[in-house]
N, C-alpha and C. Protein backbone atom coordinates (compact mmCIF):
# COMPACT_ATOMS: atom_id res chain seq x y z
N UNK A 1 38.85 136.11 103.65
CA UNK A 1 37.35 135.83 103.61
C UNK A 1 37.01 137.34 103.04
N UNK A 2 35.58 137.52 102.31
CA UNK A 2 35.28 138.59 101.87
C UNK A 2 33.97 138.25 102.31
N UNK A 3 32.89 138.20 101.10
CA UNK A 3 31.22 138.23 101.72
C UNK A 3 30.75 136.49 101.82
N UNK A 4 31.11 136.71 103.32
CA UNK A 4 30.53 135.57 103.72
C UNK A 4 29.11 135.12 103.10
N UNK A 5 28.12 136.08 103.27
CA UNK A 5 26.25 135.60 102.74
C UNK A 5 26.19 135.02 101.58
N UNK A 6 27.25 135.44 100.36
CA UNK A 6 27.34 134.95 99.10
C UNK A 6 28.17 133.37 99.73
N UNK A 7 28.83 133.68 100.05
CA UNK A 7 29.74 132.26 99.64
C UNK A 7 28.45 131.05 100.76
N UNK A 8 28.05 131.65 101.97
CA UNK A 8 26.91 130.73 102.51
C UNK A 8 26.02 130.00 101.63
N UNK A 9 25.97 130.81 100.61
CA UNK A 9 25.00 130.57 99.62
C UNK A 9 25.29 129.60 98.40
N UNK A 10 26.47 130.36 98.10
CA UNK A 10 26.81 128.96 96.95
C UNK A 10 27.05 127.85 97.75
N UNK A 11 28.05 127.81 98.86
CA UNK A 11 27.90 126.15 99.28
C UNK A 11 26.17 125.94 99.91
N UNK A 12 25.22 126.56 100.12
CA UNK A 12 23.90 126.20 100.21
C UNK A 12 24.15 125.90 98.51
N UNK A 13 24.51 126.10 97.56
CA UNK A 13 23.75 125.25 96.32
C UNK A 13 24.19 124.09 96.21
N UNK A 14 25.56 124.09 96.84
CA UNK A 14 26.13 122.68 96.83
C UNK A 14 25.71 121.58 97.19
N UNK A 15 25.15 122.16 98.17
CA UNK A 15 24.48 120.85 99.07
C UNK A 15 23.30 120.99 98.48
N UNK A 16 22.54 121.58 97.82
CA UNK A 16 21.25 121.13 97.22
C UNK A 16 21.06 120.38 96.11
N UNK A 17 22.96 120.67 95.49
CA UNK A 17 22.73 119.40 94.24
C UNK A 17 23.11 118.12 95.31
N UNK A 18 23.75 118.21 96.04
CA UNK A 18 23.70 116.52 97.23
C UNK A 18 22.62 115.96 97.74
N UNK A 19 21.73 116.40 98.05
CA UNK A 19 20.28 116.69 98.64
C UNK A 19 19.41 116.42 97.44
N UNK A 20 19.53 116.65 96.06
CA UNK A 20 19.12 116.02 94.72
C UNK A 20 19.51 115.11 94.04
N UNK A 21 20.63 114.28 95.11
CA UNK A 21 20.84 113.05 94.67
C UNK A 21 22.01 113.00 93.23
N UNK A 22 22.16 113.86 92.84
CA UNK A 22 22.91 114.73 90.97
C UNK A 22 24.46 114.32 91.54
N UNK A 23 24.81 114.41 93.10
CA UNK A 23 26.21 113.58 93.18
C UNK A 23 26.06 114.02 94.78
N UNK A 24 26.74 112.96 95.77
CA UNK A 24 27.02 113.15 96.73
C UNK A 24 27.63 114.39 97.32
N UNK A 25 27.57 114.24 99.14
CA UNK A 25 28.13 115.18 99.23
C UNK A 25 29.68 114.66 99.66
N UNK A 26 30.08 113.84 99.54
CA UNK A 26 31.46 113.46 99.73
C UNK A 26 32.08 113.51 98.26
N UNK A 27 31.18 113.22 97.18
CA UNK A 27 31.94 113.26 96.25
C UNK A 27 32.10 115.22 95.69
N UNK A 28 30.80 115.92 96.25
CA UNK A 28 31.17 116.91 95.89
C UNK A 28 32.76 117.66 97.13
N UNK A 29 32.35 117.18 98.23
CA UNK A 29 33.92 117.34 99.01
C UNK A 29 35.62 117.17 98.44
N UNK A 30 35.12 115.62 98.16
CA UNK A 30 36.14 115.39 97.17
C UNK A 30 36.61 116.22 96.28
N UNK A 31 35.97 116.09 95.02
CA UNK A 31 35.75 117.04 93.66
C UNK A 31 36.10 118.84 94.47
N UNK A 32 35.71 119.33 95.72
CA UNK A 32 36.46 120.63 95.55
C UNK A 32 37.51 120.81 96.46
N UNK A 33 38.26 119.32 97.31
CA UNK A 33 39.31 119.08 97.21
C UNK A 33 40.23 119.33 95.95
N UNK A 34 39.97 118.29 94.84
CA UNK A 34 40.61 118.53 93.48
C UNK A 34 40.66 119.70 93.41
N UNK A 35 40.34 120.75 93.44
CA UNK A 35 40.41 121.82 92.81
C UNK A 35 40.94 122.86 93.30
N UNK A 36 40.88 122.48 94.87
CA UNK A 36 41.58 123.47 95.91
C UNK A 36 42.93 123.28 95.39
N UNK A 37 43.03 122.11 95.53
CA UNK A 37 44.48 121.45 95.03
C UNK A 37 45.13 122.05 94.03
N UNK A 38 44.50 121.93 92.61
CA UNK A 38 44.69 121.97 91.52
C UNK A 38 45.00 123.61 91.58
N UNK A 39 44.34 124.61 92.06
CA UNK A 39 43.72 126.12 91.66
C UNK A 39 45.48 126.56 92.90
N UNK A 40 46.09 125.52 93.91
CA UNK A 40 46.75 126.30 94.96
C UNK A 40 48.25 125.36 94.19
N UNK A 41 47.77 125.08 93.10
CA UNK A 41 49.32 124.62 92.78
C UNK A 41 49.74 125.67 91.65
N UNK A 42 48.95 125.78 91.08
CA UNK A 42 49.08 127.03 90.17
C UNK A 42 48.52 128.56 90.31
N UNK A 43 49.47 129.59 91.04
CA UNK A 43 48.82 130.90 90.95
C UNK A 43 48.63 131.53 90.37
N UNK A 44 48.78 131.35 89.01
CA UNK A 44 48.70 132.14 87.48
C UNK A 44 47.46 131.42 87.78
N UNK A 45 46.87 130.00 87.47
CA UNK A 45 44.95 130.24 87.81
C UNK A 45 44.15 130.82 88.20
N UNK A 46 44.73 130.38 89.19
CA UNK A 46 43.73 131.47 90.42
C UNK A 46 43.86 133.06 89.95
N UNK A 47 44.95 133.69 89.49
CA UNK A 47 44.84 134.78 88.97
C UNK A 47 43.58 135.20 87.58
N UNK A 48 43.87 134.51 87.10
CA UNK A 48 43.91 134.45 85.83
C UNK A 48 41.79 134.52 85.89
N UNK A 49 41.22 132.95 86.54
CA UNK A 49 39.96 132.96 86.56
C UNK A 49 39.30 133.81 87.72
N UNK A 50 40.20 134.42 88.63
CA UNK A 50 39.59 134.99 89.24
C UNK A 50 39.92 137.12 88.81
N UNK A 51 40.49 137.07 87.88
CA UNK A 51 40.66 138.13 86.40
C UNK A 51 39.57 139.03 85.88
N UNK A 52 38.62 139.67 86.94
CA UNK A 52 37.59 140.48 86.46
C UNK A 52 37.75 141.06 85.28
N UNK A 53 38.31 141.37 84.21
CA UNK A 53 38.65 142.08 82.83
C UNK A 53 38.98 141.11 82.61
N UNK A 54 39.12 139.74 82.38
CA UNK A 54 39.34 138.84 81.46
C UNK A 54 37.56 137.84 81.46
N UNK A 55 37.38 137.88 79.72
CA UNK A 55 36.11 137.68 79.26
C UNK A 55 35.24 136.01 80.32
N UNK A 56 34.62 136.02 80.23
CA UNK A 56 33.97 134.64 81.11
C UNK A 56 34.08 133.65 79.58
N UNK A 57 34.18 133.64 78.38
CA UNK A 57 34.39 132.84 77.57
C UNK A 57 35.77 132.33 77.75
N UNK A 58 37.02 133.23 78.30
CA UNK A 58 38.38 132.72 77.80
C UNK A 58 37.76 131.72 79.20
N UNK A 59 37.58 132.30 80.48
CA UNK A 59 37.50 131.73 81.97
C UNK A 59 37.03 129.99 81.80
N UNK A 60 35.95 130.29 81.11
CA UNK A 60 35.24 129.49 81.01
C UNK A 60 35.65 128.33 80.51
N UNK A 61 36.76 127.98 78.79
CA UNK A 61 37.54 127.92 78.21
C UNK A 61 38.96 126.83 79.12
N UNK A 62 39.66 127.95 79.70
CA UNK A 62 40.35 127.32 80.54
C UNK A 62 39.86 126.57 82.30
N UNK A 63 38.38 126.85 82.26
CA UNK A 63 38.01 125.81 83.32
C UNK A 63 37.23 124.62 82.59
N UNK A 64 37.26 124.66 80.93
CA UNK A 64 36.85 122.77 80.74
C UNK A 64 38.02 121.89 80.69
N UNK A 65 39.70 123.24 80.39
CA UNK A 65 40.66 123.23 79.93
C UNK A 65 41.40 122.14 80.65
N UNK A 66 41.30 122.57 82.47
CA UNK A 66 42.01 122.15 83.19
C UNK A 66 41.13 121.18 84.46
N UNK A 67 39.84 121.25 84.01
CA UNK A 67 38.62 120.54 85.40
C UNK A 67 38.23 119.24 84.64
N UNK A 68 38.29 119.30 83.28
CA UNK A 68 37.85 118.33 82.40
C UNK A 68 37.40 116.95 82.71
N UNK A 69 38.82 116.60 83.05
CA UNK A 69 38.86 114.94 83.66
C UNK A 69 39.62 114.95 84.65
N UNK A 70 39.45 116.07 85.26
CA UNK A 70 39.23 115.80 87.44
C UNK A 70 38.22 116.34 87.95
N UNK A 71 37.34 116.83 87.49
CA UNK A 71 36.14 116.47 88.60
C UNK A 71 34.50 116.43 87.59
N UNK A 72 33.13 116.32 88.95
CA UNK A 72 32.58 116.34 87.63
C UNK A 72 31.58 117.36 87.54
N UNK A 73 31.45 117.02 85.85
CA UNK A 73 30.91 118.31 85.37
C UNK A 73 29.90 119.50 85.88
N UNK A 74 29.65 119.03 86.82
CA UNK A 74 28.12 119.52 88.16
C UNK A 74 29.04 121.11 88.36
N UNK A 75 30.51 120.12 88.58
CA UNK A 75 31.28 121.31 89.65
C UNK A 75 32.35 121.88 88.55
N UNK A 76 32.18 121.18 87.45
CA UNK A 76 32.54 122.14 86.42
C UNK A 76 31.42 123.33 86.26
N UNK A 77 30.48 123.01 85.88
CA UNK A 77 29.68 124.12 85.66
C UNK A 77 29.44 124.99 86.75
N UNK A 78 30.04 124.59 88.17
CA UNK A 78 29.61 125.51 88.72
C UNK A 78 30.84 126.57 89.35
N UNK A 79 32.05 125.63 88.64
CA UNK A 79 33.34 127.11 89.23
C UNK A 79 32.97 128.03 87.95
N UNK A 80 32.31 127.38 86.54
CA UNK A 80 32.11 128.42 85.45
C UNK A 80 30.62 130.00 86.13
N UNK A 81 30.22 129.28 87.65
CA UNK A 81 29.34 130.16 87.61
C UNK A 81 29.53 131.47 88.49
N UNK A 82 30.71 130.70 89.51
CA UNK A 82 31.18 131.45 90.24
C UNK A 82 32.37 132.67 89.60
N UNK A 83 32.77 131.94 88.57
CA UNK A 83 33.93 132.94 87.75
C UNK A 83 32.67 134.05 86.82
N UNK A 84 31.56 133.64 86.31
CA UNK A 84 30.50 134.01 85.71
C UNK A 84 30.10 135.58 86.34
N UNK A 85 30.25 134.81 87.70
CA UNK A 85 29.75 136.11 88.63
C UNK A 85 30.60 136.66 89.64
N UNK A 86 31.96 137.01 89.45
CA UNK A 86 32.94 137.27 89.46
C UNK A 86 33.53 137.49 91.83
N UNK A 87 32.74 135.66 91.69
CA UNK A 87 33.14 135.11 93.36
C UNK A 87 34.19 134.09 92.96
N UNK A 88 34.64 133.63 91.73
CA UNK A 88 36.19 132.54 91.65
C UNK A 88 36.97 133.09 92.98
N UNK A 89 37.33 134.12 93.45
CA UNK A 89 38.07 134.55 94.82
C UNK A 89 37.73 133.78 95.42
N UNK A 90 36.32 134.46 96.06
CA UNK A 90 35.90 133.34 96.90
C UNK A 90 35.82 131.54 97.16
N UNK A 91 36.69 131.40 96.82
CA UNK A 91 36.33 129.70 96.37
C UNK A 91 36.57 129.13 97.70
N UNK A 92 37.60 129.35 98.36
CA UNK A 92 38.35 129.27 99.27
C UNK A 92 37.41 128.96 100.99
N UNK A 93 36.41 130.64 101.09
CA UNK A 93 35.56 130.40 101.55
C UNK A 93 33.93 129.67 101.17
N UNK A 94 33.67 129.52 99.91
CA UNK A 94 32.74 128.68 99.57
C UNK A 94 32.78 127.49 100.15
N UNK A 95 34.37 126.36 99.84
CA UNK A 95 34.35 125.13 99.88
C UNK A 95 34.51 125.24 101.68
N UNK A 96 34.98 125.88 102.65
CA UNK A 96 35.19 125.93 104.04
C UNK A 96 33.36 125.89 104.37
N UNK A 97 32.89 126.82 103.78
CA UNK A 97 31.16 126.57 104.37
C UNK A 97 30.42 125.38 103.86
N UNK A 98 31.06 125.47 102.56
CA UNK A 98 30.47 123.75 102.50
C UNK A 98 30.84 122.84 103.65
N UNK A 99 32.02 122.82 103.95
CA UNK A 99 32.70 121.61 104.70
C UNK A 99 31.85 121.74 105.88
N UNK A 100 31.39 122.57 106.77
CA UNK A 100 30.17 123.09 107.99
C UNK A 100 29.00 122.82 106.81
N UNK A 101 28.53 122.72 106.00
CA UNK A 101 27.32 121.79 105.36
C UNK A 101 27.64 120.41 105.86
N UNK A 102 28.75 119.93 105.03
CA UNK A 102 29.10 118.87 104.73
C UNK A 102 28.83 117.45 105.90
N UNK A 103 29.67 118.95 107.03
CA UNK A 103 29.66 118.00 108.06
C UNK A 103 29.03 118.22 109.14
N UNK A 104 27.91 119.05 109.32
CA UNK A 104 26.39 118.91 109.82
C UNK A 104 25.31 117.60 109.12
N UNK A 105 25.80 117.94 108.01
CA UNK A 105 25.04 116.34 107.05
C UNK A 105 25.78 114.93 107.63
N UNK A 106 26.80 114.86 108.02
CA UNK A 106 27.63 113.59 108.60
C UNK A 106 27.71 113.24 109.72
N UNK A 107 26.92 114.48 110.74
CA UNK A 107 27.12 114.52 112.24
C UNK A 107 28.50 114.61 112.57
N UNK A 108 29.06 115.16 111.60
CA UNK A 108 30.54 115.64 112.50
C UNK A 108 31.30 116.64 112.71
N UNK A 109 32.20 116.68 114.08
CA UNK A 109 31.59 117.82 114.95
C UNK A 109 33.55 118.52 114.75
N UNK A 110 34.02 119.11 114.41
CA UNK A 110 35.07 119.88 114.28
C UNK A 110 35.98 120.16 115.51
N UNK A 111 36.82 119.65 116.41
CA UNK A 111 37.45 120.46 117.94
C UNK A 111 38.92 120.28 117.41
N UNK A 112 39.26 121.73 118.99
CA UNK A 112 40.83 121.57 118.52
C UNK A 112 41.07 120.72 120.08
N UNK A 113 41.80 120.62 119.76
CA UNK A 113 42.58 120.27 121.56
C UNK A 113 44.15 119.87 121.44
N UNK A 114 43.85 120.66 122.39
CA UNK A 114 45.47 121.21 122.51
C UNK A 114 46.17 120.68 123.50
N UNK A 115 47.39 120.26 124.04
CA UNK A 115 47.50 119.48 125.04
C UNK A 115 49.32 120.29 124.74
N UNK A 116 50.21 119.65 126.60
CA UNK A 116 50.90 120.27 126.38
C UNK A 116 52.34 119.17 126.14
N UNK A 117 52.80 118.54 125.43
CA UNK A 117 53.44 117.19 124.84
C UNK A 117 52.79 116.26 123.40
N UNK A 118 53.17 115.83 122.81
CA UNK A 118 51.98 115.26 122.07
C UNK A 118 51.54 113.48 122.31
N UNK A 119 50.36 113.36 122.01
CA UNK A 119 50.06 112.48 122.89
C UNK A 119 50.05 110.91 121.75
N UNK A 120 50.12 110.07 121.87
CA UNK A 120 50.02 108.57 121.49
C UNK A 120 48.31 108.53 121.27
N UNK A 121 48.41 107.71 120.64
CA UNK A 121 47.16 107.14 119.43
C UNK A 121 46.06 106.85 120.41
N UNK A 122 47.00 105.99 121.87
CA UNK A 122 45.72 105.52 122.50
C UNK A 122 45.09 106.59 123.24
N UNK A 123 46.45 107.25 123.52
CA UNK A 123 45.19 108.94 123.94
C UNK A 123 44.38 109.18 123.33
N UNK A 124 44.68 109.55 122.05
CA UNK A 124 43.97 110.78 121.51
C UNK A 124 42.80 109.81 121.37
N UNK A 125 42.60 108.26 121.31
CA UNK A 125 41.21 107.74 120.90
C UNK A 125 40.58 107.62 121.79
N UNK A 126 41.27 107.93 123.59
CA UNK A 126 40.57 107.98 124.33
C UNK A 126 39.49 109.26 124.39
N UNK A 127 40.44 110.10 124.38
CA UNK A 127 40.19 111.21 123.88
C UNK A 127 39.20 112.13 123.16
N UNK A 128 38.51 111.30 122.49
CA UNK A 128 37.94 111.27 120.77
C UNK A 128 36.51 110.36 120.81
N UNK A 129 36.67 109.22 121.73
CA UNK A 129 35.87 108.94 122.34
C UNK A 129 34.97 109.13 123.54
N UNK A 130 35.62 109.74 124.27
CA UNK A 130 34.96 110.42 125.38
C UNK A 130 34.43 111.74 124.69
N UNK A 131 34.72 112.53 123.84
CA UNK A 131 33.88 113.93 123.00
C UNK A 131 32.95 112.98 122.57
N UNK A 132 33.00 111.68 122.05
CA UNK A 132 31.98 110.93 120.81
C UNK A 132 30.84 110.93 121.60
N UNK A 133 31.07 110.52 123.17
CA UNK A 133 29.92 109.98 123.89
C UNK A 133 28.95 111.06 124.40
N UNK A 134 29.61 112.41 124.56
CA UNK A 134 29.54 113.74 125.53
C UNK A 134 28.24 113.82 124.21
N UNK A 135 29.28 114.20 122.67
CA UNK A 135 28.79 115.08 121.86
C UNK A 135 27.97 113.99 121.33
N UNK A 136 27.65 113.06 121.15
CA UNK A 136 26.45 112.86 120.31
C UNK A 136 27.54 112.78 119.00
N UNK A 137 28.53 112.56 118.31
CA UNK A 137 28.95 113.36 116.93
C UNK A 137 30.47 112.42 117.06
N UNK A 138 30.12 111.93 115.71
CA UNK A 138 31.93 111.60 114.86
C UNK A 138 32.79 113.27 115.01
N UNK A 139 33.74 112.78 116.26
CA UNK A 139 34.41 113.97 115.46
C UNK A 139 35.95 114.26 115.22
N UNK A 140 36.29 115.21 114.35
CA UNK A 140 37.25 115.51 113.66
C UNK A 140 38.43 116.05 114.30
N UNK A 141 39.26 115.43 114.85
CA UNK A 141 39.84 116.45 116.00
C UNK A 141 40.89 117.37 115.40
N UNK A 142 41.41 118.89 115.36
CA UNK A 142 42.81 118.83 115.19
C UNK A 142 43.74 119.25 116.02
N UNK A 143 44.56 118.04 116.63
CA UNK A 143 45.44 118.27 117.72
C UNK A 143 46.93 119.85 117.74
N UNK A 144 46.94 120.14 118.40
CA UNK A 144 47.77 121.34 118.69
C UNK A 144 48.66 121.15 120.17
N UNK A 145 50.24 121.48 119.68
CA UNK A 145 50.69 121.21 121.19
C UNK A 145 51.63 122.53 121.17
N UNK A 146 51.23 122.48 122.78
CA UNK A 146 51.28 124.45 123.19
C UNK A 146 51.94 123.63 124.90
N UNK A 147 53.66 123.68 124.77
CA UNK A 147 54.10 123.33 125.87
C UNK A 147 54.17 124.44 127.19
N UNK A 148 53.19 126.11 127.16
CA UNK A 148 52.48 126.42 127.82
C UNK A 148 51.58 125.77 129.14
N UNK A 149 50.87 125.03 128.48
CA UNK A 149 49.79 124.85 129.33
C UNK A 149 50.10 123.84 130.28
N UNK A 150 51.30 123.46 130.18
CA UNK A 150 51.94 122.42 130.75
C UNK A 150 51.95 121.26 131.15
N UNK A 151 50.45 120.71 131.22
CA UNK A 151 49.52 119.46 131.68
C UNK A 151 48.16 119.71 131.35
N UNK A 152 47.70 118.68 131.12
CA UNK A 152 46.15 118.66 130.63
C UNK A 152 45.71 118.77 129.80
N UNK A 153 43.99 119.64 129.50
CA UNK A 153 44.07 119.48 127.96
C UNK A 153 43.05 120.89 127.63
N UNK A 154 43.55 121.54 126.24
CA UNK A 154 42.23 122.39 126.58
C UNK A 154 41.35 121.95 124.86
N UNK A 155 39.98 122.02 125.50
CA UNK A 155 39.55 121.50 124.24
C UNK A 155 38.67 122.72 124.11
N UNK A 156 38.64 123.01 122.70
CA UNK A 156 37.79 124.26 121.79
C UNK A 156 36.00 123.38 121.00
N UNK A 157 35.28 123.72 121.59
CA UNK A 157 34.14 123.04 120.51
C UNK A 157 33.57 124.20 120.11
N UNK A 158 33.45 124.85 119.20
CA UNK A 158 32.69 125.51 118.67
C UNK A 158 32.96 127.03 119.13
N UNK A 159 32.34 127.64 119.98
CA UNK A 159 32.81 128.69 120.82
C UNK A 159 33.23 128.56 122.12
N UNK A 160 32.54 127.31 122.42
CA UNK A 160 33.26 126.71 124.20
C UNK A 160 34.86 126.30 123.98
N UNK A 161 34.86 126.67 124.91
CA UNK A 161 36.57 125.95 125.61
C UNK A 161 36.42 125.54 126.87
N UNK A 162 36.64 123.90 127.12
CA UNK A 162 37.56 123.23 127.54
C UNK A 162 38.60 123.53 128.02
N UNK A 163 38.84 123.69 129.63
CA UNK A 163 39.86 124.07 129.99
C UNK A 163 40.50 123.44 130.74
N UNK A 164 41.30 122.03 130.77
CA UNK A 164 41.83 121.60 132.15
C UNK A 164 43.49 121.63 132.00
N UNK A 165 43.50 122.34 131.40
CA UNK A 165 45.49 122.57 131.64
C UNK A 165 46.05 122.93 132.95
N UNK A 166 46.99 122.82 133.15
CA UNK A 166 47.73 122.76 134.66
C UNK A 166 47.83 123.81 134.65
N UNK A 167 48.47 124.59 133.61
CA UNK A 167 48.49 125.89 134.20
C UNK A 167 47.70 127.03 134.68
N UNK A 168 46.55 126.91 134.13
CA UNK A 168 45.17 126.89 134.01
C UNK A 168 44.42 126.96 135.67
N UNK A 169 44.93 125.57 135.87
CA UNK A 169 44.64 124.88 137.52
C UNK A 169 44.93 126.49 138.45
N UNK A 170 46.58 126.23 137.66
CA UNK A 170 48.09 127.08 138.91
C UNK A 170 47.59 128.55 138.85
N UNK A 171 46.95 129.09 137.89
CA UNK A 171 46.15 130.16 137.86
C UNK A 171 45.08 130.59 138.69
N UNK A 172 44.41 129.53 138.91
CA UNK A 172 43.18 129.69 139.46
C UNK A 172 43.14 129.57 140.92
N UNK A 173 44.34 128.99 141.31
CA UNK A 173 45.11 128.90 142.51
C UNK A 173 45.45 130.59 142.81
N UNK A 174 46.30 131.26 142.14
CA UNK A 174 46.98 131.97 142.70
C UNK A 174 46.25 133.39 142.83
């Protein structure tokens, strides 16, 4: 990750496109996922578009050729702008910053939940339901397993940690 202020600004520009109703937040998010997928499958493409010595005209042609039938023309123009400003290598960070704005707009809270064992879908749904009721937000859960916590859950919400693990309770007793 590099210059987060710059990435936040570019993500903010994408959010403004959504707020102007030129594209929806969902369309932008989907197009960014398409771009990330295409770039992720081609190291050469990422290297070429991130190469500061290559002319912007050549990179612009490449962007048109690769993405013209894949994403909205506004996203193609956005890619050209960040390439022209030598910020193409920041695209993953820009995408991450946009996803934060997307989640804020859609009232979604990303939460990391760690358990000692694989939870059933029913158990996961109960945990999510309780968190949604408590936070008054839609929950996007990242589920992790850590056998060292023995039992219970560790829930991370932003910088807050709710540690109801058996390991934590035992450590407090000892």
